[in-house]
Amino acid sequence: LLSREKAFKNPFELVFKPKVDKRLPDFLSPV
């Protein structure tokens, strides 16, 4: 919207996003 001049600000850039714990990928063993 900013790039098209249809908004004057991006409020989402000023809000901290919730931190997500990184989960290790689940995989199969060779067996």
Full PDB file with SEQRES, HELIX, SHEET, SSBOND, CRYST1, ORIGX, SCALE, CONECT and MASTER records, all heavy atoms in Angstrom:
SEQRES   1 A   31  LEU LEU SER ARG GLU LYS ALA PHE LYS ASN PRO PHE GLU          
SEQRES   2 A   31  LEU VAL PHE LYS PRO LYS VAL ASP LYS ARG LEU PRO ASP          
SEQRES   3 A   31  PHE LEU SER PRO VAL                                          
HELIX    1 AA1 PRO A   11  LEU A   14  5                                   4    
CRYST1    1.000    1.000    1.000  90.00  90.00  90.00 P 1           1          
ORIGX1      1.000000  0.000000  0.000000        0.00000                         
ORIGX2      0.000000  1.000000  0.000000        0.00000                         
ORIGX3      0.000000  0.000000  1.000000        0.00000                         
SCALE1      1.000000  0.000000  0.000000        0.00000                         
SCALE2      0.000000  1.000000  0.000000        0.00000                         
SCALE3      0.000000  0.000000  1.000000        0.00000                         
ATOM      1  N   LEU A   1       0.828  -1.207   0.000  1.00  0.00           N  
ATOM      2  CA  LEU A   1       0.000   0.000   0.000  1.00  0.00           C  
ATOM      3  C   LEU A   1       0.866   1.263   0.000  1.00  0.00           C  
ATOM      4  O   LEU A   1       0.564   2.236  -0.697  1.00  0.00           O  
ATOM      5  CB  LEU A   1      -0.924   0.001   1.222  1.00  0.00           C  
ATOM      6  CG  LEU A   1      -2.013  -1.081   1.273  1.00  0.00           C  
ATOM      7  CD1 LEU A   1      -2.802  -0.961   2.572  1.00  0.00           C  
ATOM      8  CD2 LEU A   1      -2.945  -0.988   0.074  1.00  0.00           C  
ATOM      9  N   LEU A   2       1.954   1.225   0.781  1.00  0.00           N  
ATOM     10  CA  LEU A   2       2.864   2.371   0.816  1.00  0.00           C  
ATOM     11  C   LEU A   2       3.492   2.610  -0.552  1.00  0.00           C  
ATOM     12  O   LEU A   2       3.605   3.761  -1.007  1.00  0.00           O  
ATOM     13  CB  LEU A   2       3.968   2.133   1.855  1.00  0.00           C  
ATOM     14  CG  LEU A   2       3.573   2.332   3.327  1.00  0.00           C  
ATOM     15  CD1 LEU A   2       4.691   1.841   4.239  1.00  0.00           C  
ATOM     16  CD2 LEU A   2       3.308   3.808   3.604  1.00  0.00           C  
ATOM     17  N   SER A   3       3.889   1.520  -1.222  1.00  0.00           N  
ATOM     18  CA  SER A   3       4.525   1.658  -2.531  1.00  0.00           C  
ATOM     19  C   SER A   3       3.558   2.203  -3.576  1.00  0.00           C  
ATOM     20  O   SER A   3       3.982   2.798  -4.570  1.00  0.00           O  
ATOM     21  CB  SER A   3       5.074   0.302  -2.995  1.00  0.00           C  
ATOM     22  OG  SER A   3       4.031  -0.590  -3.324  1.00  0.00           O  
ATOM     23  N   ARG A   4       2.264   2.004  -3.365  1.00  0.00           N  
ATOM     24  CA  ARG A   4       1.241   2.499  -4.292  1.00  0.00           C  
ATOM     25  C   ARG A   4       0.609   3.799  -3.794  1.00  0.00           C  
ATOM     26  O   ARG A   4      -0.373   4.257  -4.348  1.00  0.00           O  
ATOM     27  CB  ARG A   4       0.135   1.440  -4.481  1.00  0.00           C  
ATOM     28  CG  ARG A   4       0.588   0.112  -5.078  1.00  0.00           C  
ATOM     29  CD  ARG A   4       1.191   0.282  -6.467  1.00  0.00           C  
ATOM     30  NE  ARG A   4       1.310  -0.968  -7.182  1.00  0.00           N  
ATOM     31  CZ  ARG A   4       2.363  -1.791  -7.114  1.00  0.00           C  
ATOM     32  NH1 ARG A   4       3.390  -1.479  -6.341  1.00  0.00           N  
ATOM     33  NH2 ARG A   4       2.401  -2.903  -7.828  1.00  0.00           N  
ATOM     34  N   GLU A   5       1.182   4.341  -2.688  1.00  0.00           N  
ATOM     35  CA  GLU A   5       0.692   5.591  -2.095  1.00  0.00           C  
ATOM     36  C   GLU A   5      -0.780   5.507  -1.702  1.00  0.00           C  
ATOM     37  O   GLU A   5      -1.550   6.460  -1.833  1.00  0.00           O  
ATOM     38  CB  GLU A   5       0.931   6.779  -3.045  1.00  0.00           C  
ATOM     39  CG  GLU A   5       2.402   7.023  -3.328  1.00  0.00           C  
ATOM     40  CD  GLU A   5       2.629   8.258  -4.194  1.00  0.00           C  
ATOM     41  OE1 GLU A   5       1.638   8.784  -4.750  1.00  0.00           O  
ATOM     42  OE2 GLU A   5       3.788   8.684  -4.315  1.00  0.00           O  
ATOM     43  N   LYS A   6      -1.175   4.324  -1.201  1.00  0.00           N  
ATOM     44  CA  LYS A   6      -2.540   4.124  -0.736  1.00  0.00           C  
ATOM     45  C   LYS A   6      -2.597   4.036   0.789  1.00  0.00           C  
ATOM     46  O   LYS A   6      -3.649   3.767   1.375  1.00  0.00           O  
ATOM     47  CB  LYS A   6      -3.142   2.866  -1.365  1.00  0.00           C  
ATOM     48  CG  LYS A   6      -3.326   3.002  -2.879  1.00  0.00           C  
ATOM     49  CD  LYS A   6      -3.960   1.769  -3.473  1.00  0.00           C  
ATOM     50  CE  LYS A   6      -4.184   1.943  -4.978  1.00  0.00           C  
ATOM     51  NZ  LYS A   6      -4.793   0.773  -5.614  1.00  0.00           N  
ATOM     52  N   ALA A   7      -1.441   4.236   1.416  1.00  0.00           N  
ATOM     53  CA  ALA A   7      -1.350   4.294   2.874  1.00  0.00           C  
ATOM     54  C   ALA A   7      -0.165   5.189   3.219  1.00  0.00           C  
ATOM     55  O   ALA A   7       0.733   5.402   2.392  1.00  0.00           O  
ATOM     56  CB  ALA A   7      -1.161   2.901   3.459  1.00  0.00           C  
ATOM     57  N   PHE A   8      -0.177   5.724   4.457  1.00  0.00           N  
ATOM     58  CA  PHE A   8       0.880   6.657   4.863  1.00  0.00           C  
ATOM     59  C   PHE A   8       1.836   6.036   5.880  1.00  0.00           C  
ATOM     60  O   PHE A   8       2.870   6.622   6.200  1.00  0.00           O  
ATOM     61  CB  PHE A   8       0.251   7.918   5.458  1.00  0.00           C  
ATOM     62  CG  PHE A   8      -0.723   8.587   4.526  1.00  0.00           C  
ATOM     63  CD1 PHE A   8      -2.092   8.468   4.728  1.00  0.00           C  
ATOM     64  CD2 PHE A   8      -0.276   9.314   3.431  1.00  0.00           C  
ATOM     65  CE1 PHE A   8      -2.990   9.074   3.858  1.00  0.00           C  
ATOM     66  CE2 PHE A   8      -1.169   9.922   2.561  1.00  0.00           C  
ATOM     67  CZ  PHE A   8      -2.523   9.800   2.770  1.00  0.00           C  
ATOM     68  N   LYS A   9       1.477   4.867   6.377  1.00  0.00           N  
ATOM     69  CA  LYS A   9       2.333   4.216   7.375  1.00  0.00           C  
ATOM     70  C   LYS A   9       2.063   2.713   7.350  1.00  0.00           C  
ATOM     71  O   LYS A   9       1.050   2.253   6.812  1.00  0.00           O  
ATOM     72  CB  LYS A   9       2.060   4.769   8.772  1.00  0.00           C  
ATOM     73  CG  LYS A   9       0.625   4.556   9.258  1.00  0.00           C  
ATOM     74  CD  LYS A   9       0.411   5.193  10.608  1.00  0.00           C  
ATOM     75  CE  LYS A   9      -1.030   4.982  11.106  1.00  0.00           C  
ATOM     76  NZ  LYS A   9      -2.048   5.594  10.246  1.00  0.00           N  
ATOM     77  N   ASN A  10       3.004   1.965   7.931  1.00  0.00           N  
ATOM     78  CA  ASN A  10       2.830   0.524   8.075  1.00  0.00           C  
ATOM     79  C   ASN A  10       2.864   0.199   9.563  1.00  0.00           C  
ATOM     80  O   ASN A  10       3.940   0.024  10.142  1.00  0.00           O  
ATOM     81  CB  ASN A  10       3.931  -0.238   7.346  1.00  0.00           C  
ATOM     82  CG  ASN A  10       3.689  -1.749   7.355  1.00  0.00           C  
ATOM     83  OD1 ASN A  10       2.885  -2.243   8.139  1.00  0.00           O  
ATOM     84  ND2 ASN A  10       4.369  -2.465   6.488  1.00  0.00           N  
ATOM     85  N   PRO A  11       1.704   0.125  10.208  1.00  0.00           N  
ATOM     86  CA  PRO A  11       1.664  -0.096  11.670  1.00  0.00           C  
ATOM     87  C   PRO A  11       2.225  -1.454  12.081  1.00  0.00           C  
ATOM     88  O   PRO A  11       2.636  -1.622  13.232  1.00  0.00           O  
ATOM     89  CB  PRO A  11       0.169   0.014  11.991  1.00  0.00           C  
ATOM     90  CG  PRO A  11      -0.525  -0.333  10.717  1.00  0.00           C  
ATOM     91  CD  PRO A  11       0.354   0.190   9.625  1.00  0.00           C  
ATOM     92  N   PHE A  12       2.255  -2.409  11.159  1.00  0.00           N  
ATOM     93  CA  PHE A  12       2.730  -3.751  11.500  1.00  0.00           C  
ATOM     94  C   PHE A  12       4.245  -3.790  11.706  1.00  0.00           C  
ATOM     95  O   PHE A  12       4.760  -4.692  12.356  1.00  0.00           O  
ATOM     96  CB  PHE A  12       2.301  -4.751  10.430  1.00  0.00           C  
ATOM     97  CG  PHE A  12       0.843  -5.047  10.462  1.00  0.00           C  
ATOM     98  CD1 PHE A  12      -0.061  -4.272   9.744  1.00  0.00           C  
ATOM     99  CD2 PHE A  12       0.345  -6.086  11.236  1.00  0.00           C  
ATOM    100  CE1 PHE A  12      -1.415  -4.526   9.789  1.00  0.00           C  
ATOM    101  CE2 PHE A  12      -1.013  -6.350  11.288  1.00  0.00           C  
ATOM    102  CZ  PHE A  12      -1.903  -5.567  10.571  1.00  0.00           C  
ATOM    103  N   GLU A  13       4.952  -2.809  11.142  1.00  0.00           N  
ATOM    104  CA  GLU A  13       6.398  -2.757  11.336  1.00  0.00           C  
ATOM    105  C   GLU A  13       6.768  -2.302  12.746  1.00  0.00           C  
ATOM    106  O   GLU A  13       7.894  -2.504  13.189  1.00  0.00           O  
ATOM    107  CB  GLU A  13       7.032  -1.804  10.313  1.00  0.00           C  
ATOM    108  CG  GLU A  13       7.079  -2.373   8.903  1.00  0.00           C  
ATOM    109  CD  GLU A  13       7.827  -1.465   7.947  1.00  0.00           C  
ATOM    110  OE1 GLU A  13       7.980  -0.270   8.281  1.00  0.00           O  
ATOM    111  OE2 GLU A  13       8.234  -1.950   6.876  1.00  0.00           O  
ATOM    112  N   LEU A  14       5.816  -1.696  13.438  1.00  0.00           N  
ATOM    113  CA  LEU A  14       6.083  -1.128  14.767  1.00  0.00           C  
ATOM    114  C   LEU A  14       5.607  -2.027  15.902  1.00  0.00           C  
ATOM    115  O   LEU A  14       5.681  -1.656  17.068  1.00  0.00           O  
ATOM    116  CB  LEU A  14       5.401   0.245  14.877  1.00  0.00           C  
ATOM    117  CG  LEU A  14       5.801   1.266  13.794  1.00  0.00           C  
ATOM    118  CD1 LEU A  14       4.950   2.524  13.922  1.00  0.00           C  
ATOM    119  CD2 LEU A  14       7.280   1.599  13.892  1.00  0.00           C  
ATOM    120  N   VAL A  15       5.130  -3.201  15.553  1.00  0.00           N  
ATOM    121  CA  VAL A  15       4.604  -4.136  16.563  1.00  0.00           C  
ATOM    122  C   VAL A  15       5.474  -5.394  16.583  1.00  0.00           C  
ATOM    123  O   VAL A  15       5.762  -5.971  15.533  1.00  0.00           O  
ATOM    124  CB  VAL A  15       3.136  -4.518  16.265  1.00  0.00           C  
ATOM    125  CG1 VAL A  15       2.629  -5.536  17.269  1.00  0.00           C  
ATOM    126  CG2 VAL A  15       2.261  -3.279  16.271  1.00  0.00           C  
ATOM    127  N   PHE A  16       5.910  -5.796  17.776  1.00  0.00           N  
ATOM    128  CA  PHE A  16       6.717  -6.996  17.900  1.00  0.00           C  
ATOM    129  C   PHE A  16       5.873  -8.236  17.597  1.00  0.00           C  
ATOM    130  O   PHE A  16       4.772  -8.386  18.125  1.00  0.00           O  
ATOM    131  CB  PHE A  16       7.307  -7.115  19.315  1.00  0.00           C  
ATOM    132  CG  PHE A  16       8.437  -6.156  19.566  1.00  0.00           C  
ATOM    133  CD1 PHE A  16       8.256  -5.055  20.380  1.00  0.00           C  
ATOM    134  CD2 PHE A  16       9.684  -6.367  18.981  1.00  0.00           C  
ATOM    135  CE1 PHE A  16       9.295  -4.157  20.609  1.00  0.00           C  
ATOM    136  CE2 PHE A  16      10.722  -5.483  19.200  1.00  0.00           C  
ATOM    137  CZ  PHE A  16      10.535  -4.376  20.014  1.00  0.00           C  
ATOM    138  N   LYS A  17       6.407  -9.085  16.758  1.00  0.00           N  
ATOM    139  CA  LYS A  17       5.710 -10.327  16.423  1.00  0.00           C  
ATOM    140  C   LYS A  17       6.024 -11.369  17.497  1.00  0.00           C  
ATOM    141  O   LYS A  17       7.116 -11.375  18.054  1.00  0.00           O  
ATOM    142  CB  LYS A  17       6.142 -10.837  15.045  1.00  0.00           C  
ATOM    143  CG  LYS A  17       5.821  -9.852  13.916  1.00  0.00           C  
ATOM    144  CD  LYS A  17       6.388 -10.326  12.601  1.00  0.00           C  
ATOM    145  CE  LYS A  17       6.049  -9.326  11.489  1.00  0.00           C  
ATOM    146  NZ  LYS A  17       6.638  -8.008  11.724  1.00  0.00           N  
ATOM    147  N   PRO A  18       5.075 -12.256  17.803  1.00  0.00           N  
ATOM    148  CA  PRO A  18       5.326 -13.278  18.836  1.00  0.00           C  
ATOM    149  C   PRO A  18       6.480 -14.193  18.446  1.00  0.00           C  
ATOM    150  O   PRO A  18       6.599 -14.592  17.288  1.00  0.00           O  
ATOM    151  CB  PRO A  18       4.003 -14.058  18.901  1.00  0.00           C  
ATOM    152  CG  PRO A  18       3.324 -13.776  17.601  1.00  0.00           C  
ATOM    153  CD  PRO A  18       3.736 -12.392  17.200  1.00  0.00           C  
ATOM    154  N   LYS A  19       7.346 -14.438  19.415  1.00  0.00           N  
ATOM    155  CA  LYS A  19       8.480 -15.324  19.143  1.00  0.00           C  
ATOM    156  C   LYS A  19       8.009 -16.772  19.120  1.00  0.00           C  
ATOM    157  O   LYS A  19       7.205 -17.194  19.950  1.00  0.00           O  
ATOM    158  CB  LYS A  19       9.562 -15.152  20.206  1.00  0.00           C  
ATOM    159  CG  LYS A  19      10.283 -13.819  20.123  1.00  0.00           C  
ATOM    160  CD  LYS A  19      11.427 -13.752  21.118  1.00  0.00           C  
ATOM    161  CE  LYS A  19      12.197 -12.436  20.980  1.00  0.00           C  
ATOM    162  NZ  LYS A  19      13.316 -12.357  21.942  1.00  0.00           N  
ATOM    163  N   VAL A  20       8.515 -17.503  18.165  1.00  0.00           N  
ATOM    164  CA  VAL A  20       8.139 -18.911  18.013  1.00  0.00           C  
ATOM    165  C   VAL A  20       9.382 -19.760  18.226  1.00  0.00           C  
ATOM    166  O   VAL A  20      10.416 -19.522  17.597  1.00  0.00           O  
ATOM    167  CB  VAL A  20       7.557 -19.186  16.608  1.00  0.00           C  
ATOM    168  CG1 VAL A  20       7.192 -20.652  16.463  1.00  0.00           C  
ATOM    169  CG2 VAL A  20       6.341 -18.307  16.366  1.00  0.00           C  
ATOM    170  N   ASP A  21       9.272 -20.710  19.129  1.00  0.00           N  
ATOM    171  CA  ASP A  21      10.392 -21.618  19.364  1.00  0.00           C  
ATOM    172  C   ASP A  21      10.620 -22.472  18.131  1.00  0.00           C  
ATOM    173  O   ASP A  21       9.673 -23.067  17.589  1.00  0.00           O  
ATOM    174  CB  ASP A  21      10.119 -22.534  20.570  1.00  0.00           C  
ATOM    175  CG  ASP A  21      10.017 -21.744  21.868  1.00  0.00           C  
ATOM    176  OD1 ASP A  21      10.667 -20.686  21.953  1.00  0.00           O  
ATOM    177  OD2 ASP A  21       9.287 -22.188  22.766  1.00  0.00           O  
ATOM    178  N   LYS A  22      11.866 -22.520  17.686  1.00  0.00           N  
ATOM    179  CA  LYS A  22      12.177 -23.316  16.507  1.00  0.00           C  
ATOM    180  C   LYS A  22      12.135 -24.803  16.856  1.00  0.00           C  
ATOM    181  O   LYS A  22      12.811 -25.263  17.775  1.00  0.00           O  
ATOM    182  CB  LYS A  22      13.566 -22.962  15.962  1.00  0.00           C  
ATOM    183  CG  LYS A  22      13.612 -21.630  15.251  1.00  0.00           C  
ATOM    184  CD  LYS A  22      14.949 -21.435  14.551  1.00  0.00           C  
ATOM    185  CE  LYS A  22      14.949 -20.133  13.750  1.00  0.00           C  
ATOM    186  NZ  LYS A  22      16.241 -19.919  13.051  1.00  0.00           N  
ATOM    187  N   ARG A  23      11.306 -25.519  16.126  1.00  0.00           N  
ATOM    188  CA  ARG A  23      11.202 -26.962  16.333  1.00  0.00           C  
ATOM    189  C   ARG A  23      12.121 -27.660  15.348  1.00  0.00           C  
ATOM    190  O   ARG A  23      12.135 -27.356  14.151  1.00  0.00           O  
ATOM    191  CB  ARG A  23       9.761 -27.437  16.115  1.00  0.00           C  
ATOM    192  CG  ARG A  23       8.791 -26.922  17.149  1.00  0.00           C  
ATOM    193  CD  ARG A  23       7.384 -27.385  16.832  1.00  0.00           C  
ATOM    194  NE  ARG A  23       7.290 -28.824  16.772  1.00  0.00           N  
ATOM    195  CZ  ARG A  23       6.214 -29.484  16.354  1.00  0.00           C  
ATOM    196  NH1 ARG A  23       5.164 -28.807  15.943  1.00  0.00           N  
ATOM    197  NH2 ARG A  23       6.208 -30.798  16.328  1.00  0.00           N  
ATOM    198  N   LEU A  24      12.892 -28.595  15.867  1.00  0.00           N  
ATOM    199  CA  LEU A  24      13.769 -29.347  14.985  1.00  0.00           C  
ATOM    200  C   LEU A  24      12.938 -30.258  14.094  1.00  0.00           C  
ATOM    201  O   LEU A  24      11.929 -30.826  14.533  1.00  0.00           O  
ATOM    202  CB  LEU A  24      14.766 -30.177  15.804  1.00  0.00           C  
ATOM    203  CG  LEU A  24      15.795 -29.373  16.599  1.00  0.00           C  
ATOM    204  CD1 LEU A  24      16.702 -30.322  17.369  1.00  0.00           C  
ATOM    205  CD2 LEU A  24      16.617 -28.481  15.704  1.00  0.00           C  
ATOM    206  N   PRO A  25      13.320 -30.405  12.848  1.00  0.00           N  
ATOM    207  CA  PRO A  25      12.557 -31.244  11.916  1.00  0.00           C  
ATOM    208  C   PRO A  25      12.489 -32.691  12.392  1.00  0.00           C  
ATOM    209  O   PRO A  25      13.463 -33.234  12.917  1.00  0.00           O  
ATOM    210  CB  PRO A  25      13.360 -31.153  10.610  1.00  0.00           C  
ATOM    211  CG  PRO A  25      14.221 -29.955  10.762  1.00  0.00           C  
ATOM    212  CD  PRO A  25      14.499 -29.806  12.211  1.00  0.00           C  
ATOM    213  N   ASP A  26      11.320 -33.276  12.220  1.00  0.00           N  
ATOM    214  CA  ASP A  26      11.128 -34.688  12.552  1.00  0.00           C  
ATOM    215  C   ASP A  26      11.489 -35.519  11.326  1.00  0.00           C  
ATOM    216  O   ASP A  26      11.086 -35.191  10.207  1.00  0.00           O  
ATOM    217  CB  ASP A  26       9.662 -34.920  12.936  1.00  0.00           C  
ATOM    218  CG  ASP A  26       9.458 -36.276  13.588  1.00  0.00           C  
ATOM    219  OD1 ASP A  26      10.456 -36.906  13.971  1.00  0.00           O  
ATOM    220  OD2 ASP A  26       8.286 -36.692  13.698  1.00  0.00           O  
ATOM    221  N   PHE A  27      12.277 -36.569  11.513  1.00  0.00           N  
ATOM    222  CA  PHE A  27      12.725 -37.368  10.372  1.00  0.00           C  
ATOM    223  C   PHE A  27      12.814 -38.843  10.764  1.00  0.00           C  
ATOM    224  O   PHE A  27      12.777 -39.201  11.946  1.00  0.00           O  
ATOM    225  CB  PHE A  27      14.079 -36.867   9.862  1.00  0.00           C  
ATOM    226  CG  PHE A  27      15.197 -37.000  10.877  1.00  0.00           C  
ATOM    227  CD1 PHE A  27      16.079 -38.059  10.835  1.00  0.00           C  
ATOM    228  CD2 PHE A  27      15.356 -36.044  11.883  1.00  0.00           C  
ATOM    229  CE1 PHE A  27      17.093 -38.195  11.762  1.00  0.00           C  
ATOM    230  CE2 PHE A  27      16.371 -36.163  12.818  1.00  0.00           C  
ATOM    231  CZ  PHE A  27      17.249 -37.231  12.755  1.00  0.00           C  
ATOM    232  N   LEU A  28      12.941 -39.695   9.749  1.00  0.00           N  
ATOM    233  CA  LEU A  28      13.052 -41.137   9.966  1.00  0.00           C  
ATOM    234  C   LEU A  28      14.519 -41.544  10.056  1.00  0.00           C  
ATOM    235  O   LEU A  28      15.373 -40.995   9.354  1.00  0.00           O  
ATOM    236  CB  LEU A  28      12.394 -41.901   8.816  1.00  0.00           C  
ATOM    237  CG  LEU A  28      10.912 -41.624   8.546  1.00  0.00           C  
ATOM    238  CD1 LEU A  28      10.463 -42.390   7.305  1.00  0.00           C  
ATOM    239  CD2 LEU A  28      10.060 -42.014   9.744  1.00  0.00           C  
ATOM    240  N   SER A  29      14.793 -42.522  10.908  1.00  0.00           N  
ATOM    241  CA  SER A  29      16.143 -43.076  10.986  1.00  0.00           C  
ATOM    242  C   SER A  29      16.352 -44.051   9.828  1.00  0.00           C  
ATOM    243  O   SER A  29      15.372 -44.519   9.220  1.00  0.00           O  
ATOM    244  CB  SER A  29      16.329 -43.813  12.317  1.00  0.00           C  
ATOM    245  OG  SER A  29      15.542 -45.007  12.323  1.00  0.00           O  
ATOM    246  N   PRO A  30      17.600 -44.375   9.488  1.00  0.00           N  
ATOM    247  CA  PRO A  30      17.844 -45.355   8.421  1.00  0.00           C  
ATOM    248  C   PRO A  30      17.138 -46.689   8.663  1.00  0.00           C  
ATOM    249  O   PRO A  30      16.647 -47.314   7.719  1.00  0.00           O  
ATOM    250  CB  PRO A  30      19.364 -45.520   8.437  1.00  0.00           C  
ATOM    251  CG  PRO A  30      19.871 -44.215   8.961  1.00  0.00           C  
ATOM    252  CD  PRO A  30      18.857 -43.772   9.979  1.00  0.00           C  
ATOM    253  N   VAL A  31      17.073 -47.110   9.926  1.00  0.00           N  
ATOM    254  CA  VAL A  31      16.402 -48.374  10.264  1.00  0.00           C  
ATOM    255  C   VAL A  31      14.909 -48.263   9.972  1.00  0.00           C  
ATOM    256  O   VAL A  31      14.300 -49.202   9.425  1.00  0.00           O  
ATOM    257  CB  VAL A  31      16.630 -48.728  11.752  1.00  0.00           C  
ATOM    258  CG1 VAL A  31      15.783 -49.939  12.155  1.00  0.00           C  
ATOM    259  CG2 VAL A  31      18.107 -49.013  12.009  1.00  0.00           C  
TER     260      VAL A  31                                                      
MASTER        0    0    0    1    0    0    0    6  259    1    0    3          
END                                                                             
